[in-house]
């Protein structure tokens, strides 16, 4: 039986030299956590609140329709190069989200 050796694949990891901090006040209505940014290489969110933060990769998030649930004091690091809008909503309006966007 012949063995198949596919051609080598080169994987390029994105790098960043700029970090832009943003603070988003907690709200019980959906807020933009990060706007569309075609230069975004990564993003982190720290939920600096005693309430749960629900985020979605869409123009609106809700407590029943979300992608990621960040507990009070929790941290989220986006694992891929998503450049679209990120929205969030809290279970109570106290504190904020501390966002770092890398480009």
PDB file of N, CA and C in Angstrom:
ATOM      1  N   UNK A   1       0.840  -1.169   0.000  1.00  0.00           N
ATOM      2  CA  UNK A   1       0.000   0.000   0.000  1.00  0.00           C
ATOM      3  C   UNK A   1       0.888   1.235   0.000  1.00  0.00           C
ATOM      4  N   UNK A   2       0.627   2.133  -0.902  1.00  0.00           N
ATOM      5  CA  UNK A   2       1.417   3.358  -1.020  1.00  0.00           C
ATOM      6  C   UNK A   2       1.027   4.348   0.066  1.00  0.00           C
ATOM      7  N   UNK A   3       2.008   5.064   0.549  1.00  0.00           N
ATOM      8  CA  UNK A   3       1.754   6.121   1.526  1.00  0.00           C
ATOM      9  C   UNK A   3       1.621   7.445   0.797  1.00  0.00           C
ATOM     10  N   UNK A   4       0.777   8.289   1.306  1.00  0.00           N
ATOM     11  CA  UNK A   4       0.569   9.608   0.710  1.00  0.00           C
ATOM     12  C   UNK A   4       1.187  10.663   1.612  1.00  0.00           C
ATOM     13  N   UNK A   5       2.071  11.445   1.061  1.00  0.00           N
ATOM     14  CA  UNK A   5       2.696  12.548   1.794  1.00  0.00           C
ATOM     15  C   UNK A   5       2.229  13.861   1.178  1.00  0.00           C
ATOM     16  N   UNK A   6       1.251  14.530   1.833  1.00  0.00           N
ATOM     17  CA  UNK A   6       0.771  15.807   1.277  1.00  0.00           C
ATOM     18  C   UNK A   6       1.873  16.862   1.351  1.00  0.00           C
ATOM     19  N   UNK A   7       1.758  17.907   0.535  1.00  0.00           N
ATOM     20  CA  UNK A   7       2.759  18.979   0.591  1.00  0.00           C
ATOM     21  C   UNK A   7       2.748  19.663   1.959  1.00  0.00           C
ATOM     22  N   UNK A   8       3.886  20.229   2.331  1.00  0.00           N
ATOM     23  CA  UNK A   8       3.934  20.914   3.634  1.00  0.00           C
ATOM     24  C   UNK A   8       3.024  22.131   3.637  1.00  0.00           C
ATOM     25  N   UNK A   9       2.571  22.421   4.823  1.00  0.00           N
ATOM     26  CA  UNK A   9       1.678  23.555   5.027  1.00  0.00           C
ATOM     27  C   UNK A   9       2.368  24.546   5.954  1.00  0.00           C
ATOM     28  N   UNK A  10       2.336  25.809   5.574  1.00  0.00           N
ATOM     29  CA  UNK A  10       2.913  26.852   6.410  1.00  0.00           C
ATOM     30  C   UNK A  10       1.789  27.550   7.164  1.00  0.00           C
ATOM     31  N   UNK A  11       1.933  27.639   8.474  1.00  0.00           N
ATOM     32  CA  UNK A  11       0.935  28.310   9.309  1.00  0.00           C
ATOM     33  C   UNK A  11       1.548  29.609   9.813  1.00  0.00           C
ATOM     34  N   UNK A  12       0.847  30.707   9.576  1.00  0.00           N
ATOM     35  CA  UNK A  12       1.312  32.007  10.025  1.00  0.00           C
ATOM     36  C   UNK A  12       0.451  32.462  11.198  1.00  0.00           C
ATOM     37  N   UNK A  13       1.087  32.717  12.316  1.00  0.00           N
ATOM     38  CA  UNK A  13       0.382  33.191  13.498  1.00  0.00           C
ATOM     39  C   UNK A  13       0.329  34.709  13.456  1.00  0.00           C
ATOM     40  N   UNK A  14      -0.878  35.304  13.631  1.00  0.00           N
ATOM     41  CA  UNK A  14      -0.960  36.764  13.606  1.00  0.00           C
ATOM     42  C   UNK A  14      -0.208  37.374  14.784  1.00  0.00           C
ATOM     43  N   UNK A  15       0.443  38.475  14.525  1.00  0.00           N
ATOM     44  CA  UNK A  15       1.132  39.198  15.588  1.00  0.00           C
ATOM     45  C   UNK A  15       0.543  40.599  15.694  1.00  0.00           C
ATOM     46  N   UNK A  16       0.747  41.204  16.844  1.00  0.00           N
ATOM     47  CA  UNK A  16       0.187  42.526  17.093  1.00  0.00           C
ATOM     48  C   UNK A  16       1.232  43.394  17.771  1.00  0.00           C
ATOM     49  N   UNK A  17       1.229  44.664  17.432  1.00  0.00           N
ATOM     50  CA  UNK A  17       2.138  45.601  18.092  1.00  0.00           C
ATOM     51  C   UNK A  17       1.380  46.736  18.777  1.00  0.00           C
ATOM     52  N   UNK A  18       0.044  46.704  18.685  1.00  0.00           N
ATOM     53  CA  UNK A  18      -0.772  47.769  19.261  1.00  0.00           C
ATOM     54  C   UNK A  18      -1.885  47.186  20.112  1.00  0.00           C
ATOM     55  N   UNK A  19      -2.089  47.775  21.294  1.00  0.00           N
ATOM     56  CA  UNK A  19      -3.183  47.383  22.181  1.00  0.00           C
ATOM     57  C   UNK A  19      -3.993  48.633  22.504  1.00  0.00           C
ATOM     58  N   UNK A  20      -5.296  48.565  22.247  1.00  0.00           N
ATOM     59  CA  UNK A  20      -6.173  49.701  22.508  1.00  0.00           C
ATOM     60  C   UNK A  20      -7.144  49.348  23.626  1.00  0.00           C
ATOM     61  N   UNK A  21      -7.034  50.026  24.787  1.00  0.00           N
ATOM     62  CA  UNK A  21      -7.956  49.747  25.891  1.00  0.00           C
ATOM     63  C   UNK A  21      -9.255  50.543  25.760  1.00  0.00           C
ATOM     64  N   UNK A  22     -10.355  49.913  26.148  1.00  0.00           N
ATOM     65  CA  UNK A  22     -11.664  50.549  26.145  1.00  0.00           C
ATOM     66  C   UNK A  22     -12.423  50.081  27.383  1.00  0.00           C
ATOM     67  N   UNK A  23     -13.229  50.960  27.954  1.00  0.00           N
ATOM     68  CA  UNK A  23     -14.102  50.591  29.064  1.00  0.00           C
ATOM     69  C   UNK A  23     -15.536  50.780  28.609  1.00  0.00           C
ATOM     70  N   UNK A  24     -16.360  49.743  28.810  1.00  0.00           N
ATOM     71  CA  UNK A  24     -17.768  49.795  28.431  1.00  0.00           C
ATOM     72  C   UNK A  24     -18.588  49.646  29.710  1.00  0.00           C
ATOM     73  N   UNK A  25     -19.413  50.646  30.015  1.00  0.00           N
ATOM     74  CA  UNK A  25     -20.242  50.617  31.224  1.00  0.00           C
ATOM     75  C   UNK A  25     -21.286  49.505  31.139  1.00  0.00           C
ATOM     76  N   UNK A  26     -21.479  48.804  32.251  1.00  0.00           N
ATOM     77  CA  UNK A  26     -22.477  47.735  32.319  1.00  0.00           C
ATOM     78  C   UNK A  26     -23.871  48.288  32.067  1.00  0.00           C
ATOM     79  N   UNK A  27     -24.694  47.484  31.400  1.00  0.00           N
ATOM     80  CA  UNK A  27     -26.056  47.895  31.072  1.00  0.00           C
ATOM     81  C   UNK A  27     -26.934  46.658  30.929  1.00  0.00           C
ATOM     82  N   UNK A  28     -28.208  46.803  31.226  1.00  0.00           N
ATOM     83  CA  UNK A  28     -29.152  45.711  31.038  1.00  0.00           C
ATOM     84  C   UNK A  28     -29.798  45.759  29.656  1.00  0.00           C
ATOM     85  N   UNK A  29     -29.302  46.679  28.803  1.00  0.00           N
ATOM     86  CA  UNK A  29     -29.659  46.673  27.385  1.00  0.00           C
ATOM     87  C   UNK A  29     -28.374  46.385  26.610  1.00  0.00           C
ATOM     88  N   UNK A  30     -28.500  45.777  25.463  1.00  0.00           N
ATOM     89  CA  UNK A  30     -27.339  45.368  24.681  1.00  0.00           C
ATOM     90  C   UNK A  30     -26.470  46.571  24.304  1.00  0.00           C
ATOM     91  N   UNK A  31     -25.164  46.423  24.504  1.00  0.00           N
ATOM     92  CA  UNK A  31     -24.181  47.469  24.207  1.00  0.00           C
ATOM     93  C   UNK A  31     -23.144  46.925  23.229  1.00  0.00           C
ATOM     94  N   UNK A  32     -22.514  47.802  22.471  1.00  0.00           N
ATOM     95  CA  UNK A  32     -21.388  47.391  21.643  1.00  0.00           C
ATOM     96  C   UNK A  32     -20.154  47.294  22.532  1.00  0.00           C
ATOM     97  N   UNK A  33     -19.564  46.130  22.590  1.00  0.00           N
ATOM     98  CA  UNK A  33     -18.334  45.907  23.347  1.00  0.00           C
ATOM     99  C   UNK A  33     -17.136  46.273  22.467  1.00  0.00           C
ATOM    100  N   UNK A  34     -17.194  45.903  21.193  1.00  0.00           N
ATOM    101  CA  UNK A  34     -16.152  46.254  20.227  1.00  0.00           C
ATOM    102  C   UNK A  34     -16.797  46.395  18.850  1.00  0.00           C
ATOM    103  N   UNK A  35     -16.508  47.490  18.205  1.00  0.00           N
ATOM    104  CA  UNK A  35     -17.040  47.748  16.859  1.00  0.00           C
ATOM    105  C   UNK A  35     -16.292  46.902  15.824  1.00  0.00           C
ATOM    106  N   UNK A  36     -16.824  46.834  14.635  1.00  0.00           N
ATOM    107  CA  UNK A  36     -16.147  46.148  13.535  1.00  0.00           C
ATOM    108  C   UNK A  36     -14.764  46.767  13.357  1.00  0.00           C
ATOM    109  N   UNK A  37     -13.750  45.923  13.224  1.00  0.00           N
ATOM    110  CA  UNK A  37     -12.383  46.406  13.037  1.00  0.00           C
ATOM    111  C   UNK A  37     -11.629  45.395  12.178  1.00  0.00           C
ATOM    112  N   UNK A  38     -11.438  45.719  10.911  1.00  0.00           N
ATOM    113  CA  UNK A  38     -10.765  44.781   9.994  1.00  0.00           C
ATOM    114  C   UNK A  38      -9.295  44.569  10.343  1.00  0.00           C
ATOM    115  N   UNK A  39      -8.730  45.412  11.207  1.00  0.00           N
ATOM    116  CA  UNK A  39      -7.332  45.260  11.623  1.00  0.00           C
ATOM    117  C   UNK A  39      -7.176  44.471  12.924  1.00  0.00           C
ATOM    118  N   UNK A  40      -8.282  44.054  13.544  1.00  0.00           N
ATOM    119  CA  UNK A  40      -8.213  43.347  14.825  1.00  0.00           C
ATOM    120  C   UNK A  40      -7.513  42.000  14.679  1.00  0.00           C
ATOM    121  N   UNK A  41      -6.537  41.772  15.560  1.00  0.00           N
ATOM    122  CA  UNK A  41      -5.823  40.492  15.602  1.00  0.00           C
ATOM    123  C   UNK A  41      -6.261  39.664  16.799  1.00  0.00           C
ATOM    124  N   UNK A  42      -6.763  40.332  17.827  1.00  0.00           N
ATOM    125  CA  UNK A  42      -7.197  39.645  19.035  1.00  0.00           C
ATOM    126  C   UNK A  42      -7.953  40.591  19.931  1.00  0.00           C
ATOM    127  N   UNK A  43      -8.566  40.034  20.986  1.00  0.00           N
ATOM    128  CA  UNK A  43      -9.365  40.849  21.877  1.00  0.00           C
ATOM    129  C   UNK A  43      -9.498  40.121  23.210  1.00  0.00           C
ATOM    130  N   UNK A  44      -9.431  40.881  24.301  1.00  0.00           N
ATOM    131  CA  UNK A  44      -9.697  40.330  25.627  1.00  0.00           C
ATOM    132  C   UNK A  44     -10.767  41.167  26.306  1.00  0.00           C
ATOM    133  N   UNK A  45     -11.547  40.514  27.172  1.00  0.00           N
ATOM    134  CA  UNK A  45     -12.581  41.202  27.937  1.00  0.00           C
ATOM    135  C   UNK A  45     -12.479  40.745  29.380  1.00  0.00           C
ATOM    136  N   UNK A  46     -12.396  41.689  30.291  1.00  0.00           N
ATOM    137  CA  UNK A  46     -12.466  41.402  31.716  1.00  0.00           C
ATOM    138  C   UNK A  46     -13.775  41.989  32.218  1.00  0.00           C
ATOM    139  N   UNK A  47     -14.615  41.152  32.796  1.00  0.00           N
ATOM    140  CA  UNK A  47     -15.905  41.596  33.330  1.00  0.00           C
ATOM    141  C   UNK A  47     -15.679  42.146  34.735  1.00  0.00           C
ATOM    142  N   UNK A  48     -15.467  43.447  34.822  1.00  0.00           N
ATOM    143  CA  UNK A  48     -15.223  44.129  36.098  1.00  0.00           C
ATOM    144  C   UNK A  48     -16.567  44.538  36.698  1.00  0.00           C
ATOM    145  N   UNK A  49     -17.378  43.545  37.006  1.00  0.00           N
ATOM    146  CA  UNK A  49     -18.731  43.756  37.512  1.00  0.00           C
ATOM    147  C   UNK A  49     -19.079  42.604  38.444  1.00  0.00           C
ATOM    148  N   UNK A  50     -20.087  42.797  39.282  1.00  0.00           N
ATOM    149  CA  UNK A  50     -20.587  41.698  40.116  1.00  0.00           C
ATOM    150  C   UNK A  50     -21.713  40.961  39.397  1.00  0.00           C
ATOM    151  N   UNK A  51     -22.053  41.399  38.187  1.00  0.00           N
ATOM    152  CA  UNK A  51     -23.106  40.778  37.383  1.00  0.00           C
ATOM    153  C   UNK A  51     -22.488  39.942  36.264  1.00  0.00           C
ATOM    154  N   UNK A  52     -23.255  39.023  35.736  1.00  0.00           N
ATOM    155  CA  UNK A  52     -22.822  38.200  34.606  1.00  0.00           C
ATOM    156  C   UNK A  52     -22.900  39.014  33.319  1.00  0.00           C
ATOM    157  N   UNK A  53     -21.894  38.855  32.469  1.00  0.00           N
ATOM    158  CA  UNK A  53     -21.849  39.513  31.155  1.00  0.00           C
ATOM    159  C   UNK A  53     -22.053  38.450  30.086  1.00  0.00           C
ATOM    160  N   UNK A  54     -23.007  38.687  29.199  1.00  0.00           N
ATOM    161  CA  UNK A  54     -23.271  37.795  28.075  1.00  0.00           C
ATOM    162  C   UNK A  54     -22.803  38.507  26.813  1.00  0.00           C
ATOM    163  N   UNK A  55     -21.929  37.877  26.035  1.00  0.00           N
ATOM    164  CA  UNK A  55     -21.481  38.507  24.794  1.00  0.00           C
ATOM    165  C   UNK A  55     -21.880  37.655  23.591  1.00  0.00           C
ATOM    166  N   UNK A  56     -22.025  38.344  22.461  1.00  0.00           N
ATOM    167  CA  UNK A  56     -22.363  37.673  21.212  1.00  0.00           C
ATOM    168  C   UNK A  56     -21.602  38.344  20.075  1.00  0.00           C
ATOM    169  N   UNK A  57     -21.332  37.575  19.063  1.00  0.00           N
ATOM    170  CA  UNK A  57     -20.627  38.070  17.875  1.00  0.00           C
ATOM    171  C   UNK A  57     -21.675  38.489  16.853  1.00  0.00           C
ATOM    172  N   UNK A  58     -22.409  39.528  17.231  1.00  0.00           N
ATOM    173  CA  UNK A  58     -23.553  40.003  16.464  1.00  0.00           C
ATOM    174  C   UNK A  58     -23.851  41.427  16.934  1.00  0.00           C
ATOM    175  N   UNK A  59     -24.833  42.057  16.326  1.00  0.00           N
ATOM    176  CA  UNK A  59     -25.156  43.442  16.694  1.00  0.00           C
ATOM    177  C   UNK A  59     -25.919  43.558  18.000  1.00  0.00           C
ATOM    178  N   UNK A  60     -26.403  42.448  18.558  1.00  0.00           N
ATOM    179  CA  UNK A  60     -27.112  42.490  19.836  1.00  0.00           C
ATOM    180  C   UNK A  60     -26.910  41.180  20.588  1.00  0.00           C
ATOM    181  N   UNK A  61     -26.812  41.288  21.895  1.00  0.00           N
ATOM    182  CA  UNK A  61     -26.699  40.114  22.756  1.00  0.00           C
ATOM    183  C   UNK A  61     -27.868  40.112  23.722  1.00  0.00           C
ATOM    184  N   UNK A  62     -28.212  38.945  24.227  1.00  0.00           N
ATOM    185  CA  UNK A  62     -29.241  38.844  25.262  1.00  0.00           C
ATOM    186  C   UNK A  62     -28.855  37.723  26.213  1.00  0.00           C
ATOM    187  N   UNK A  63     -29.523  37.650  27.337  1.00  0.00           N
ATOM    188  CA  UNK A  63     -29.239  36.614  28.328  1.00  0.00           C
ATOM    189  C   UNK A  63     -29.698  35.235  27.858  1.00  0.00           C
ATOM    190  N   UNK A  64     -30.465  35.187  26.777  1.00  0.00           N
ATOM    191  CA  UNK A  64     -30.917  33.902  26.235  1.00  0.00           C
ATOM    192  C   UNK A  64     -30.329  33.595  24.863  1.00  0.00           C
ATOM    193  N   UNK A  65     -29.706  34.575  24.220  1.00  0.00           N
ATOM    194  CA  UNK A  65     -29.095  34.385  22.902  1.00  0.00           C
ATOM    195  C   UNK A  65     -27.710  35.011  22.935  1.00  0.00           C
ATOM    196  N   UNK A  66     -26.703  34.220  23.265  1.00  0.00           N
ATOM    197  CA  UNK A  66     -25.345  34.720  23.429  1.00  0.00           C
ATOM    198  C   UNK A  66     -24.343  33.639  23.028  1.00  0.00           C
ATOM    199  N   UNK A  67     -23.108  34.041  22.812  1.00  0.00           N
ATOM    200  CA  UNK A  67     -22.048  33.090  22.464  1.00  0.00           C
ATOM    201  C   UNK A  67     -21.197  32.717  23.666  1.00  0.00           C
ATOM    202  N   UNK A  68     -20.944  33.691  24.549  1.00  0.00           N
ATOM    203  CA  UNK A  68     -20.066  33.470  25.699  1.00  0.00           C
ATOM    204  C   UNK A  68     -20.685  34.117  26.937  1.00  0.00           C
ATOM    205  N   UNK A  69     -20.662  33.388  28.045  1.00  0.00           N
ATOM    206  CA  UNK A  69     -21.144  33.895  29.337  1.00  0.00           C
ATOM    207  C   UNK A  69     -19.910  34.124  30.210  1.00  0.00           C
ATOM    208  N   UNK A  70     -19.695  35.389  30.634  1.00  0.00           N
ATOM    209  CA  UNK A  70     -18.539  35.725  31.457  1.00  0.00           C
ATOM    210  C   UNK A  70     -19.042  36.042  32.863  1.00  0.00           C
ATOM    211  N   UNK A  71     -18.684  35.213  33.812  1.00  0.00           N
ATOM    212  CA  UNK A  71     -19.107  35.406  35.200  1.00  0.00           C
ATOM    213  C   UNK A  71     -18.522  36.684  35.773  1.00  0.00           C
ATOM    214  N   UNK A  72     -19.082  37.139  36.893  1.00  0.00           N
ATOM    215  CA  UNK A  72     -18.573  38.327  37.593  1.00  0.00           C
ATOM    216  C   UNK A  72     -17.079  38.151  37.856  1.00  0.00           C
ATOM    217  N   UNK A  73     -16.291  39.151  37.488  1.00  0.00           N
ATOM    218  CA  UNK A  73     -14.847  39.097  37.673  1.00  0.00           C
ATOM    219  C   UNK A  73     -14.130  38.193  36.688  1.00  0.00           C
ATOM    220  N   UNK A  74     -14.858  37.650  35.704  1.00  0.00           N
ATOM    221  CA  UNK A  74     -14.286  36.708  34.740  1.00  0.00           C
ATOM    222  C   UNK A  74     -13.546  37.383  33.604  1.00  0.00           C
ATOM    223  N   UNK A  75     -12.791  36.574  32.878  1.00  0.00           N
ATOM    224  CA  UNK A  75     -11.936  37.032  31.786  1.00  0.00           C
ATOM    225  C   UNK A  75     -12.209  36.168  30.565  1.00  0.00           C
ATOM    226  N   UNK A  76     -12.203  36.793  29.378  1.00  0.00           N
ATOM    227  CA  UNK A  76     -12.399  36.079  28.121  1.00  0.00           C
ATOM    228  C   UNK A  76     -11.342  36.533  27.129  1.00  0.00           C
ATOM    229  N   UNK A  77     -10.761  35.582  26.446  1.00  0.00           N
ATOM    230  CA  UNK A  77      -9.786  35.872  25.401  1.00  0.00           C
ATOM    231  C   UNK A  77     -10.297  35.258  24.107  1.00  0.00           C
ATOM    232  N   UNK A  78     -10.504  36.091  23.098  1.00  0.00           N
ATOM    233  CA  UNK A  78     -11.033  35.612  21.829  1.00  0.00           C
ATOM    234  C   UNK A  78      -9.998  34.710  21.150  1.00  0.00           C
ATOM    235  N   UNK A  79     -10.370  33.471  20.823  1.00  0.00           N
ATOM    236  CA  UNK A  79      -9.387  32.512  20.321  1.00  0.00           C
ATOM    237  C   UNK A  79      -9.145  32.527  18.818  1.00  0.00           C
ATOM    238  N   UNK A  80      -9.710  33.457  18.106  1.00  0.00           N
ATOM    239  CA  UNK A  80      -9.542  33.474  16.653  1.00  0.00           C
ATOM    240  C   UNK A  80      -9.623  34.896  16.135  1.00  0.00           C
ATOM    241  N   UNK A  81      -9.346  35.083  14.858  1.00  0.00           N
ATOM    242  CA  UNK A  81      -9.290  36.417  14.250  1.00  0.00           C
ATOM    243  C   UNK A  81     -10.659  36.891  13.764  1.00  0.00           C
ATOM    244  N   UNK A  82     -11.554  37.123  14.668  1.00  0.00           N
ATOM    245  CA  UNK A  82     -12.876  37.652  14.331  1.00  0.00           C
ATOM    246  C   UNK A  82     -12.785  39.175  14.294  1.00  0.00           C
ATOM    247  N   UNK A  83     -13.246  39.793  13.209  1.00  0.00           N
ATOM    248  CA  UNK A  83     -13.125  41.245  13.047  1.00  0.00           C
ATOM    249  C   UNK A  83     -14.476  41.968  13.081  1.00  0.00           C
ATOM    250  N   UNK A  84     -15.563  41.236  13.292  1.00  0.00           N
ATOM    251  CA  UNK A  84     -16.892  41.831  13.314  1.00  0.00           C
ATOM    252  C   UNK A  84     -17.246  42.447  14.659  1.00  0.00           C
ATOM    253  N   UNK A  85     -18.478  42.915  14.761  1.00  0.00           N
ATOM    254  CA  UNK A  85     -18.958  43.561  15.973  1.00  0.00           C
ATOM    255  C   UNK A  85     -19.120  42.541  17.101  1.00  0.00           C
ATOM    256  N   UNK A  86     -18.878  42.990  18.335  1.00  0.00           N
ATOM    257  CA  UNK A  86     -19.089  42.174  19.528  1.00  0.00           C
ATOM    258  C   UNK A  86     -20.003  42.969  20.454  1.00  0.00           C
ATOM    259  N   UNK A  87     -21.103  42.350  20.862  1.00  0.00           N
ATOM    260  CA  UNK A  87     -22.082  43.012  21.723  1.00  0.00           C
ATOM    261  C   UNK A  87     -22.142  42.317  23.070  1.00  0.00           C
ATOM    262  N   UNK A  88     -22.641  43.049  24.077  1.00  0.00           N
ATOM    263  CA  UNK A  88     -22.760  42.466  25.399  1.00  0.00           C
ATOM    264  C   UNK A  88     -23.915  43.048  26.179  1.00  0.00           C
ATOM    265  N   UNK A  89     -24.388  42.273  27.136  1.00  0.00           N
ATOM    266  CA  UNK A  89     -25.450  42.693  28.037  1.00  0.00           C
ATOM    267  C   UNK A  89     -25.178  42.053  29.399  1.00  0.00           C
ATOM    268  N   UNK A  90     -25.439  42.792  30.460  1.00  0.00           N
ATOM    269  CA  UNK A  90     -25.209  42.298  31.814  1.00  0.00           C
ATOM    270  C   UNK A  90     -26.526  41.885  32.460  1.00  0.00           C
ATOM    271  N   UNK A  91     -26.441  41.026  33.468  1.00  0.00           N
ATOM    272  CA  UNK A  91     -27.630  40.622  34.224  1.00  0.00           C
ATOM    273  C   UNK A  91     -28.066  41.722  35.200  1.00  0.00           C
ATOM    274  N   UNK A  92     -27.184  42.681  35.490  1.00  0.00           N
ATOM    275  CA  UNK A  92     -27.482  43.867  36.307  1.00  0.00           C
ATOM    276  C   UNK A  92     -26.525  44.968  35.885  1.00  0.00           C
ATOM    277  N   UNK A  93     -26.952  46.209  36.012  1.00  0.00           N
ATOM    278  CA  UNK A  93     -26.142  47.338  35.545  1.00  0.00           C
ATOM    279  C   UNK A  93     -25.214  47.854  36.635  1.00  0.00           C
ATOM    280  N   UNK A  94     -24.105  47.171  36.837  1.00  0.00           N
ATOM    281  CA  UNK A  94     -23.072  47.680  37.742  1.00  0.00           C
ATOM    282  C   UNK A  94     -21.707  47.272  37.215  1.00  0.00           C
ATOM    283  N   UNK A  95     -20.735  48.140  37.379  1.00  0.00           N
ATOM    284  CA  UNK A  95     -19.390  47.850  36.893  1.00  0.00           C
ATOM    285  C   UNK A  95     -19.226  48.142  35.419  1.00  0.00           C
ATOM    286  N   UNK A  96     -18.294  47.418  34.791  1.00  0.00           N
ATOM    287  CA  UNK A  96     -17.984  47.655  33.383  1.00  0.00           C
ATOM    288  C   UNK A  96     -17.232  46.465  32.796  1.00  0.00           C
ATOM    289  N   UNK A  97     -16.992  46.548  31.509  1.00  0.00           N
ATOM    290  CA  UNK A  97     -16.132  45.586  30.817  1.00  0.00           C
ATOM    291  C   UNK A  97     -14.867  46.334  30.438  1.00  0.00           C
ATOM    292  N   UNK A  98     -13.727  45.762  30.769  1.00  0.00           N
ATOM    293  CA  UNK A  98     -12.441  46.330  30.370  1.00  0.00           C
ATOM    294  C   UNK A  98     -11.961  45.531  29.166  1.00  0.00           C
ATOM    295  N   UNK A  99     -11.907  46.205  28.036  1.00  0.00           N
ATOM    296  CA  UNK A  99     -11.632  45.549  26.751  1.00  0.00           C
ATOM    297  C   UNK A  99     -10.252  45.960  26.261  1.00  0.00           C
ATOM    298  N   UNK A 100      -9.500  45.011  25.754  1.00  0.00           N
ATOM    299  CA  UNK A 100      -8.219  45.273  25.082  1.00  0.00           C
ATOM    300  C   UNK A 100      -8.334  44.698  23.681  1.00  0.00           C
ATOM    301  N   UNK A 101      -8.142  45.556  22.705  1.00  0.00           N
ATOM    302  CA  UNK A 101      -8.207  45.139  21.310  1.00  0.00           C
ATOM    303  C   UNK A 101      -6.804  45.229  20.722  1.00  0.00           C
ATOM    304  N   UNK A 102      -6.351  44.151  20.106  1.00  0.00           N
ATOM    305  CA  UNK A 102      -5.009  44.101  19.541  1.00  0.00           C
ATOM    306  C   UNK A 102      -5.078  44.211  18.025  1.00  0.00           C
ATOM    307  N   UNK A 103      -4.250  45.092  17.470  1.00  0.00           N
ATOM    308  CA  UNK A 103      -4.213  45.257  16.015  1.00  0.00           C
ATOM    309  C   UNK A 103      -2.781  45.472  15.566  1.00  0.00           C
TER     310      UNK A 103
END
